[in-house]
Amino acid sequence: MSGEDSTRLARALIEFREAEGISERELARRTWLSEATIRTFERGRGDLPTPTVARSFEELLGWAPGSIKTAPSEAMGCEASADSAMALE
């Protein structure tokens, strides 16, 4: 993800969390992602998210579908397995 894109997403996630008065743990619970994933993206260190992770963030933030660039599905192998593993962390 470009520096500008990752900064935009990081800011939006932090601002959402602060406005809601919730922890990273609660944000992870609401998005079915791991706390480590939330921390990574809040710090702007995430690579391109999978389409499923991007959709979770877009829905949470009220952004239009497709507004977060994603990793190509072919490069991710089995998307469902990667997302399921992150949700179980």
PDB file of N, CA and C in Angstrom:
ATOM      1  N   MET A   1       0.871  -1.165   0.000  1.00  0.00           N
ATOM      2  CA  MET A   1       0.000   0.000   0.000  1.00  0.00           C
ATOM      3  C   MET A   1       0.913   1.222   0.000  1.00  0.00           C
ATOM      4  N   SER A   2       0.561   2.236  -0.750  1.00  0.00           N
ATOM      5  CA  SER A   2       1.391   3.433  -0.797  1.00  0.00           C
ATOM      6  C   SER A   2       1.382   4.114   0.558  1.00  0.00           C
ATOM      7  N   GLY A   3       2.386   4.925   0.797  1.00  0.00           N
ATOM      8  CA  GLY A   3       2.469   5.640   2.063  1.00  0.00           C
ATOM      9  C   GLY A   3       1.249   6.498   2.330  1.00  0.00           C
ATOM     10  N   GLU A   4       0.760   7.153   1.291  1.00  0.00           N
ATOM     11  CA  GLU A   4      -0.421   8.010   1.433  1.00  0.00           C
ATOM     12  C   GLU A   4      -1.667   7.188   1.775  1.00  0.00           C
ATOM     13  N   ASP A   5      -1.831   6.055   1.099  1.00  0.00           N
ATOM     14  CA  ASP A   5      -2.989   5.193   1.358  1.00  0.00           C
ATOM     15  C   ASP A   5      -2.947   4.606   2.763  1.00  0.00           C
ATOM     16  N   SER A   6      -1.765   4.133   3.167  1.00  0.00           N
ATOM     17  CA  SER A   6      -1.669   3.521   4.494  1.00  0.00           C
ATOM     18  C   SER A   6      -1.859   4.562   5.589  1.00  0.00           C
ATOM     19  N   THR A   7      -1.376   5.783   5.368  1.00  0.00           N
ATOM     20  CA  THR A   7      -1.573   6.858   6.343  1.00  0.00           C
ATOM     21  C   THR A   7      -3.050   7.221   6.450  1.00  0.00           C
ATOM     22  N   ARG A   8      -3.735   7.290   5.322  1.00  0.00           N
ATOM     23  CA  ARG A   8      -5.174   7.605   5.303  1.00  0.00           C
ATOM     24  C   ARG A   8      -5.966   6.549   6.071  1.00  0.00           C
ATOM     25  N   LEU A   9      -5.685   5.278   5.818  1.00  0.00           N
ATOM     26  CA  LEU A   9      -6.388   4.202   6.505  1.00  0.00           C
ATOM     27  C   LEU A   9      -6.048   4.197   7.991  1.00  0.00           C
ATOM     28  N   ALA A  10      -4.783   4.368   8.321  1.00  0.00           N
ATOM     29  CA  ALA A  10      -4.364   4.383   9.727  1.00  0.00           C
ATOM     30  C   ALA A  10      -5.085   5.488  10.490  1.00  0.00           C
ATOM     31  N   ARG A  11      -5.093   6.689   9.933  1.00  0.00           N
ATOM     32  CA  ARG A  11      -5.777   7.815  10.580  1.00  0.00           C
ATOM     33  C   ARG A  11      -7.257   7.535  10.774  1.00  0.00           C
ATOM     34  N   ALA A  12      -7.879   7.002   9.737  1.00  0.00           N
ATOM     35  CA  ALA A  12      -9.320   6.730   9.801  1.00  0.00           C
ATOM     36  C   ALA A  12      -9.645   5.692  10.870  1.00  0.00           C
ATOM     37  N   LEU A  13      -8.841   4.642  10.971  1.00  0.00           N
ATOM     38  CA  LEU A  13      -9.084   3.614  11.986  1.00  0.00           C
ATOM     39  C   LEU A  13      -8.918   4.176  13.393  1.00  0.00           C
ATOM     40  N   ILE A  14      -7.866   4.941  13.603  1.00  0.00           N
ATOM     41  CA  ILE A  14      -7.621   5.532  14.924  1.00  0.00           C
ATOM     42  C   ILE A  14      -8.726   6.518  15.278  1.00  0.00           C
ATOM     43  N   GLU A  15      -9.096   7.381  14.337  1.00  0.00           N
ATOM     44  CA  GLU A  15     -10.160   8.356  14.601  1.00  0.00           C
ATOM     45  C   GLU A  15     -11.480   7.658  14.902  1.00  0.00           C
ATOM     46  N   PHE A  16     -11.778   6.585  14.175  1.00  0.00           N
ATOM     47  CA  PHE A  16     -13.004   5.829  14.437  1.00  0.00           C
ATOM     48  C   PHE A  16     -12.972   5.258  15.849  1.00  0.00           C
ATOM     49  N   ARG A  17     -11.856   4.610  16.191  1.00  0.00           N
ATOM     50  CA  ARG A  17     -11.731   4.001  17.517  1.00  0.00           C
ATOM     51  C   ARG A  17     -11.872   5.033  18.625  1.00  0.00           C
ATOM     52  N   GLU A  18     -11.211   6.164  18.467  1.00  0.00           N
ATOM     53  CA  GLU A  18     -11.274   7.215  19.489  1.00  0.00           C
ATOM     54  C   GLU A  18     -12.680   7.789  19.598  1.00  0.00           C
ATOM     55  N   ALA A  19     -13.342   8.008  18.472  1.00  0.00           N
ATOM     56  CA  ALA A  19     -14.711   8.547  18.486  1.00  0.00           C
ATOM     57  C   ALA A  19     -15.671   7.579  19.169  1.00  0.00           C
ATOM     58  N   GLU A  20     -15.455   6.287  18.973  1.00  0.00           N
ATOM     59  CA  GLU A  20     -16.301   5.259  19.583  1.00  0.00           C
ATOM     60  C   GLU A  20     -15.890   4.960  21.026  1.00  0.00           C
ATOM     61  N   GLY A  21     -14.687   5.416  21.397  1.00  0.00           N
ATOM     62  CA  GLY A  21     -14.180   5.135  22.741  1.00  0.00           C
ATOM     63  C   GLY A  21     -13.901   3.652  22.961  1.00  0.00           C
ATOM     64  N   ILE A  22     -13.362   2.999  21.925  1.00  0.00           N
ATOM     65  CA  ILE A  22     -13.108   1.562  22.025  1.00  0.00           C
ATOM     66  C   ILE A  22     -11.618   1.244  21.885  1.00  0.00           C
ATOM     67  N   SER A  23     -11.260   0.077  22.342  1.00  0.00           N
ATOM     68  CA  SER A  23      -9.875  -0.393  22.283  1.00  0.00           C
ATOM     69  C   SER A  23      -9.592  -1.086  20.952  1.00  0.00           C
ATOM     70  N   GLU A  24      -8.313  -1.365  20.719  1.00  0.00           N
ATOM     71  CA  GLU A  24      -7.939  -2.150  19.544  1.00  0.00           C
ATOM     72  C   GLU A  24      -8.601  -3.521  19.620  1.00  0.00           C
ATOM     73  N   ARG A  25      -8.684  -4.072  20.819  1.00  0.00           N
ATOM     74  CA  ARG A  25      -9.317  -5.383  21.003  1.00  0.00           C
ATOM     75  C   ARG A  25     -10.781  -5.349  20.554  1.00  0.00           C
ATOM     76  N   GLU A  26     -11.500  -4.303  20.951  1.00  0.00           N
ATOM     77  CA  GLU A  26     -12.911  -4.191  20.569  1.00  0.00           C
ATOM     78  C   GLU A  26     -13.050  -3.974  19.063  1.00  0.00           C
ATOM     79  N   LEU A  27     -12.164  -3.177  18.486  1.00  0.00           N
ATOM     80  CA  LEU A  27     -12.206  -2.975  17.035  1.00  0.00           C
ATOM     81  C   LEU A  27     -11.950  -4.301  16.319  1.00  0.00           C
ATOM     82  N   ALA A  28     -11.012  -5.073  16.824  1.00  0.00           N
ATOM     83  CA  ALA A  28     -10.737  -6.395  16.250  1.00  0.00           C
ATOM     84  C   ALA A  28     -11.974  -7.280  16.338  1.00  0.00           C
ATOM     85  N   ARG A  29     -12.649  -7.248  17.456  1.00  0.00           N
ATOM     86  CA  ARG A  29     -13.855  -8.058  17.633  1.00  0.00           C
ATOM     87  C   ARG A  29     -14.934  -7.645  16.632  1.00  0.00           C
ATOM     88  N   ARG A  30     -15.112  -6.349  16.463  1.00  0.00           N
ATOM     89  CA  ARG A  30     -16.153  -5.845  15.557  1.00  0.00           C
ATOM     90  C   ARG A  30     -15.883  -6.174  14.094  1.00  0.00           C
ATOM     91  N   THR A  31     -14.620  -6.296  13.740  1.00  0.00           N
ATOM     92  CA  THR A  31     -14.263  -6.556  12.341  1.00  0.00           C
ATOM     93  C   THR A  31     -13.902  -8.018  12.087  1.00  0.00           C
ATOM     94  N   TRP A  32     -13.884  -8.830  13.122  1.00  0.00           N
ATOM     95  CA  TRP A  32     -13.504 -10.240  13.011  1.00  0.00           C
ATOM     96  C   TRP A  32     -12.061 -10.391  12.547  1.00  0.00           C
ATOM     97  N   LEU A  33     -11.218  -9.433  12.913  1.00  0.00           N
ATOM     98  CA  LEU A  33      -9.796  -9.488  12.597  1.00  0.00           C
ATOM     99  C   LEU A  33      -9.017  -9.611  13.897  1.00  0.00           C
ATOM    100  N   SER A  34      -7.744  -9.917  13.800  1.00  0.00           N
ATOM    101  CA  SER A  34      -6.921 -10.027  15.002  1.00  0.00           C
ATOM    102  C   SER A  34      -6.477  -8.642  15.477  1.00  0.00           C
ATOM    103  N   GLU A  35      -6.140  -8.563  16.761  1.00  0.00           N
ATOM    104  CA  GLU A  35      -5.593  -7.307  17.289  1.00  0.00           C
ATOM    105  C   GLU A  35      -4.301  -6.955  16.575  1.00  0.00           C
ATOM    106  N   ALA A  36      -3.493  -7.958  16.250  1.00  0.00           N
ATOM    107  CA  ALA A  36      -2.235  -7.709  15.547  1.00  0.00           C
ATOM    108  C   ALA A  36      -2.497  -7.062  14.183  1.00  0.00           C
ATOM    109  N   THR A  37      -3.530  -7.504  13.502  1.00  0.00           N
ATOM    110  CA  THR A  37      -3.882  -6.917  12.206  1.00  0.00           C
ATOM    111  C   THR A  37      -4.310  -5.469  12.380  1.00  0.00           C
ATOM    112  N   ILE A  38      -5.132  -5.210  13.383  1.00  0.00           N
ATOM    113  CA  ILE A  38      -5.572  -3.835  13.658  1.00  0.00           C
ATOM    114  C   ILE A  38      -4.364  -2.956  13.954  1.00  0.00           C
ATOM    115  N   ARG A  39      -3.476  -3.414  14.841  1.00  0.00           N
ATOM    116  CA  ARG A  39      -2.278  -2.636  15.191  1.00  0.00           C
ATOM    117  C   ARG A  39      -1.426  -2.355  13.958  1.00  0.00           C
ATOM    118  N   THR A  40      -1.232  -3.363  13.126  1.00  0.00           N
ATOM    119  CA  THR A  40      -0.410  -3.196  11.924  1.00  0.00           C
ATOM    120  C   THR A  40      -0.966  -2.094  11.027  1.00  0.00           C
ATOM    121  N   PHE A  41      -2.262  -2.137  10.774  1.00  0.00           N
ATOM    122  CA  PHE A  41      -2.854  -1.132   9.881  1.00  0.00           C
ATOM    123  C   PHE A  41      -2.959   0.235  10.554  1.00  0.00           C
ATOM    124  N   GLU A  42      -3.181   0.281  11.864  1.00  0.00           N
ATOM    125  CA  GLU A  42      -3.226   1.579  12.553  1.00  0.00           C
ATOM    126  C   GLU A  42      -1.864   2.258  12.553  1.00  0.00           C
ATOM    127  N   ARG A  43      -0.820   1.491  12.481  1.00  0.00           N
ATOM    128  CA  ARG A  43       0.524   2.061  12.462  1.00  0.00           C
ATOM    129  C   ARG A  43       1.014   2.314  11.035  1.00  0.00           C
ATOM    130  N   GLY A  44       0.155   2.041  10.059  1.00  0.00           N
ATOM    131  CA  GLY A  44       0.510   2.298   8.667  1.00  0.00           C
ATOM    132  C   GLY A  44       1.546   1.345   8.127  1.00  0.00           C
ATOM    133  N   ARG A  45       1.664   0.173   8.735  1.00  0.00           N
ATOM    134  CA  ARG A  45       2.694  -0.778   8.321  1.00  0.00           C
ATOM    135  C   ARG A  45       2.154  -1.936   7.504  1.00  0.00           C
ATOM    136  N   GLY A  46       0.866  -1.945   7.243  1.00  0.00           N
ATOM    137  CA  GLY A  46       0.277  -3.063   6.516  1.00  0.00           C
ATOM    138  C   GLY A  46       0.567  -3.015   5.031  1.00  0.00           C
ATOM    139  N   ASP A  47       0.756  -4.194   4.463  1.00  0.00           N
ATOM    140  CA  ASP A  47       0.825  -4.309   3.010  1.00  0.00           C
ATOM    141  C   ASP A  47      -0.597  -4.165   2.492  1.00  0.00           C
ATOM    142  N   LEU A  48      -0.786  -4.393   1.230  1.00  0.00           N
ATOM    143  CA  LEU A  48      -2.142  -4.352   0.686  1.00  0.00           C
ATOM    144  C   LEU A  48      -2.987  -5.405   1.395  1.00  0.00           C
ATOM    145  N   PRO A  49      -4.139  -5.013   1.920  1.00  0.00           N
ATOM    146  CA  PRO A  49      -4.990  -6.000   2.594  1.00  0.00           C
ATOM    147  C   PRO A  49      -5.657  -6.928   1.584  1.00  0.00           C
ATOM    148  N   THR A  50      -6.093  -8.070   2.076  1.00  0.00           N
ATOM    149  CA  THR A  50      -6.888  -8.952   1.222  1.00  0.00           C
ATOM    150  C   THR A  50      -8.214  -8.247   0.954  1.00  0.00           C
ATOM    151  N   PRO A  51      -8.923  -8.645  -0.086  1.00  0.00           N
ATOM    152  CA  PRO A  51     -10.229  -8.032  -0.346  1.00  0.00           C
ATOM    153  C   PRO A  51     -11.183  -8.139   0.844  1.00  0.00           C
ATOM    154  N   THR A  52     -11.145  -9.242   1.566  1.00  0.00           N
ATOM    155  CA  THR A  52     -12.039  -9.420   2.714  1.00  0.00           C
ATOM    156  C   THR A  52     -11.707  -8.441   3.832  1.00  0.00           C
ATOM    157  N   VAL A  53     -10.420  -8.254   4.118  1.00  0.00           N
ATOM    158  CA  VAL A  53     -10.004  -7.302   5.155  1.00  0.00           C
ATOM    159  C   VAL A  53     -10.379  -5.890   4.724  1.00  0.00           C
ATOM    160  N   ALA A  54     -10.127  -5.564   3.465  1.00  0.00           N
ATOM    161  CA  ALA A  54     -10.477  -4.230   2.957  1.00  0.00           C
ATOM    162  C   ALA A  54     -11.971  -3.977   3.107  1.00  0.00           C
ATOM    163  N   ARG A  55     -12.800  -4.968   2.757  1.00  0.00           N
ATOM    164  CA  ARG A  55     -14.255  -4.802   2.893  1.00  0.00           C
ATOM    165  C   ARG A  55     -14.648  -4.579   4.348  1.00  0.00           C
ATOM    166  N   SER A  56     -14.009  -5.278   5.267  1.00  0.00           N
ATOM    167  CA  SER A  56     -14.309  -5.086   6.695  1.00  0.00           C
ATOM    168  C   SER A  56     -14.048  -3.641   7.103  1.00  0.00           C
ATOM    169  N   PHE A  57     -12.895  -3.110   6.683  1.00  0.00           N
ATOM    170  CA  PHE A  57     -12.556  -1.729   7.019  1.00  0.00           C
ATOM    171  C   PHE A  57     -13.499  -0.744   6.328  1.00  0.00           C
ATOM    172  N   GLU A  58     -13.806  -0.981   5.054  1.00  0.00           N
ATOM    173  CA  GLU A  58     -14.704  -0.081   4.318  1.00  0.00           C
ATOM    174  C   GLU A  58     -16.087  -0.029   4.961  1.00  0.00           C
ATOM    175  N   GLU A  59     -16.613  -1.173   5.337  1.00  0.00           N
ATOM    176  CA  GLU A  59     -17.927  -1.209   5.993  1.00  0.00           C
ATOM    177  C   GLU A  59     -17.883  -0.489   7.331  1.00  0.00           C
ATOM    178  N   LEU A  60     -16.853  -0.752   8.113  1.00  0.00           N
ATOM    179  CA  LEU A  60     -16.706  -0.129   9.423  1.00  0.00           C
ATOM    180  C   LEU A  60     -16.643   1.392   9.308  1.00  0.00           C
ATOM    181  N   LEU A  61     -15.873   1.872   8.348  1.00  0.00           N
ATOM    182  CA  LEU A  61     -15.632   3.309   8.204  1.00  0.00           C
ATOM    183  C   LEU A  61     -16.675   4.017   7.343  1.00  0.00           C
ATOM    184  N   GLY A  62     -17.573   3.253   6.735  1.00  0.00           N
ATOM    185  CA  GLY A  62     -18.581   3.850   5.865  1.00  0.00           C
ATOM    186  C   GLY A  62     -18.012   4.318   4.541  1.00  0.00           C
ATOM    187  N   TRP A  63     -16.929   3.695   4.102  1.00  0.00           N
ATOM    188  CA  TRP A  63     -16.302   4.042   2.832  1.00  0.00           C
ATOM    189  C   TRP A  63     -16.930   3.226   1.715  1.00  0.00           C
ATOM    190  N   ALA A  64     -16.869   3.745   0.512  1.00  0.00           N
ATOM    191  CA  ALA A  64     -17.406   3.046  -0.658  1.00  0.00           C
ATOM    192  C   ALA A  64     -16.628   1.757  -0.908  1.00  0.00           C
ATOM    193  N   PRO A  65     -17.330   0.709  -1.326  1.00  0.00           N
ATOM    194  CA  PRO A  65     -16.636  -0.534  -1.677  1.00  0.00           C
ATOM    195  C   PRO A  65     -15.574  -0.271  -2.746  1.00  0.00           C
ATOM    196  N   GLY A  66     -14.412  -0.856  -2.567  1.00  0.00           N
ATOM    197  CA  GLY A  66     -13.322  -0.685  -3.520  1.00  0.00           C
ATOM    198  C   GLY A  66     -12.461   0.534  -3.270  1.00  0.00           C
ATOM    199  N   SER A  67     -12.738   1.292  -2.209  1.00  0.00           N
ATOM    200  CA  SER A  67     -11.954   2.501  -1.951  1.00  0.00           C
ATOM    201  C   SER A  67     -10.599   2.200  -1.311  1.00  0.00           C
ATOM    202  N   ILE A  68     -10.410   0.984  -0.819  1.00  0.00           N
ATOM    203  CA  ILE A  68      -9.113   0.565  -0.285  1.00  0.00           C
ATOM    204  C   ILE A  68      -8.496  -0.388  -1.300  1.00  0.00           C
ATOM    205  N   LYS A  69      -7.280  -0.066  -1.731  1.00  0.00           N
ATOM    206  CA  LYS A  69      -6.586  -0.938  -2.676  1.00  0.00           C
ATOM    207  C   LYS A  69      -6.304  -2.268  -1.995  1.00  0.00           C
ATOM    208  N   THR A  70      -6.433  -3.347  -2.757  1.00  0.00           N
ATOM    209  CA  THR A  70      -6.226  -4.681  -2.199  1.00  0.00           C
ATOM    210  C   THR A  70      -5.166  -5.452  -2.964  1.00  0.00           C
ATOM    211  N   ALA A  71      -4.675  -6.496  -2.312  1.00  0.00           N
ATOM    212  CA  ALA A  71      -3.733  -7.399  -2.963  1.00  0.00           C
ATOM    213  C   ALA A  71      -4.488  -8.214  -4.004  1.00  0.00           C
ATOM    214  N   PRO A  72      -3.849  -8.527  -5.105  1.00  0.00           N
ATOM    215  CA  PRO A  72      -4.509  -9.378  -6.104  1.00  0.00           C
ATOM    216  C   PRO A  72      -4.869 -10.723  -5.485  1.00  0.00           C
ATOM    217  N   SER A  73      -6.058 -11.202  -5.740  1.00  0.00           N
ATOM    218  CA  SER A  73      -6.523 -12.468  -5.167  1.00  0.00           C
ATOM    219  C   SER A  73      -5.625 -13.631  -5.537  1.00  0.00           C
ATOM    220  N   GLU A  74      -5.107 -13.652  -6.769  1.00  0.00           N
ATOM    221  CA  GLU A  74      -4.250 -14.756  -7.201  1.00  0.00           C
ATOM    222  C   GLU A  74      -2.994 -14.838  -6.345  1.00  0.00           C
ATOM    223  N   ALA A  75      -2.453 -13.686  -5.961  1.00  0.00           N
ATOM    224  CA  ALA A  75      -1.231 -13.665  -5.164  1.00  0.00           C
ATOM    225  C   ALA A  75      -1.486 -14.120  -3.740  1.00  0.00           C
ATOM    226  N   MET A  76      -2.732 -14.056  -3.312  1.00  0.00           N
ATOM    227  CA  MET A  76      -3.055 -14.406  -1.936  1.00  0.00           C
ATOM    228  C   MET A  76      -3.297 -15.898  -1.757  1.00  0.00           C
ATOM    229  N   GLY A  77      -3.372 -16.657  -2.838  1.00  0.00           N
ATOM    230  CA  GLY A  77      -3.702 -18.068  -2.704  1.00  0.00           C
ATOM    231  C   GLY A  77      -5.157 -18.192  -2.340  1.00  0.00           C
ATOM    232  N   CYS A  78      -5.435 -18.828  -1.255  1.00  0.00           N
ATOM    233  CA  CYS A  78      -6.819 -19.021  -0.816  1.00  0.00           C
ATOM    234  C   CYS A  78      -7.180 -17.907   0.145  1.00  0.00           C
ATOM    235  N   GLU A  79      -7.914 -16.936  -0.326  1.00  0.00           N
ATOM    236  CA  GLU A  79      -8.265 -15.762   0.480  1.00  0.00           C
ATOM    237  C   GLU A  79      -8.987 -16.136   1.761  1.00  0.00           C
ATOM    238  N   ALA A  80      -9.931 -17.044   1.687  1.00  0.00           N
ATOM    239  CA  ALA A  80     -10.711 -17.407   2.868  1.00  0.00           C
ATOM    240  C   ALA A  80      -9.815 -17.980   3.948  1.00  0.00           C
ATOM    241  N   SER A  81      -8.826 -18.784   3.575  1.00  0.00           N
ATOM    242  CA  SER A  81      -7.934 -19.371   4.567  1.00  0.00           C
ATOM    243  C   SER A  81      -7.094 -18.307   5.249  1.00  0.00           C
ATOM    244  N   ALA A  82      -6.576 -17.350   4.490  1.00  0.00           N
ATOM    245  CA  ALA A  82      -5.758 -16.291   5.075  1.00  0.00           C
ATOM    246  C   ALA A  82      -6.573 -15.452   6.035  1.00  0.00           C
ATOM    247  N   ASP A  83      -7.782 -15.093   5.658  1.00  0.00           N
ATOM    248  CA  ASP A  83      -8.622 -14.276   6.526  1.00  0.00           C
ATOM    249  C   ASP A  83      -9.082 -15.064   7.739  1.00  0.00           C
ATOM    250  N   SER A  84      -9.382 -16.331   7.575  1.00  0.00           N
ATOM    251  CA  SER A  84      -9.807 -17.154   8.700  1.00  0.00           C
ATOM    252  C   SER A  84      -8.684 -17.280   9.704  1.00  0.00           C
ATOM    253  N   ALA A  85      -7.468 -17.441   9.220  1.00  0.00           N
ATOM    254  CA  ALA A  85      -6.331 -17.560  10.123  1.00  0.00           C
ATOM    255  C   ALA A  85      -6.130 -16.277  10.905  1.00  0.00           C
ATOM    256  N   MET A  86      -6.296 -15.121  10.254  1.00  0.00           N
ATOM    257  CA  MET A  86      -6.137 -13.846  10.956  1.00  0.00           C
ATOM    258  C   MET A  86      -7.222 -13.684  12.002  1.00  0.00           C
ATOM    259  N   ALA A  87      -8.423 -14.111  11.713  1.00  0.00           N
ATOM    260  CA  ALA A  87      -9.526 -13.954  12.656  1.00  0.00           C
ATOM    261  C   ALA A  87      -9.332 -14.820  13.885  1.00  0.00           C
ATOM    262  N   LEU A  88      -8.582 -15.904  13.749  1.00  0.00           N
ATOM    263  CA  LEU A  88      -8.375 -16.813  14.869  1.00  0.00           C
ATOM    264  C   LEU A  88      -7.218 -16.408  15.754  1.00  0.00           C
ATOM    265  N   GLU A  89      -6.384 -15.481  15.322  1.00  0.00           N
ATOM    266  CA  GLU A  89      -5.224 -15.058  16.120  1.00  0.00           C
ATOM    267  C   GLU A  89      -5.653 -14.463  17.432  1.00  0.00           C
TER     268      GLU A  89
END
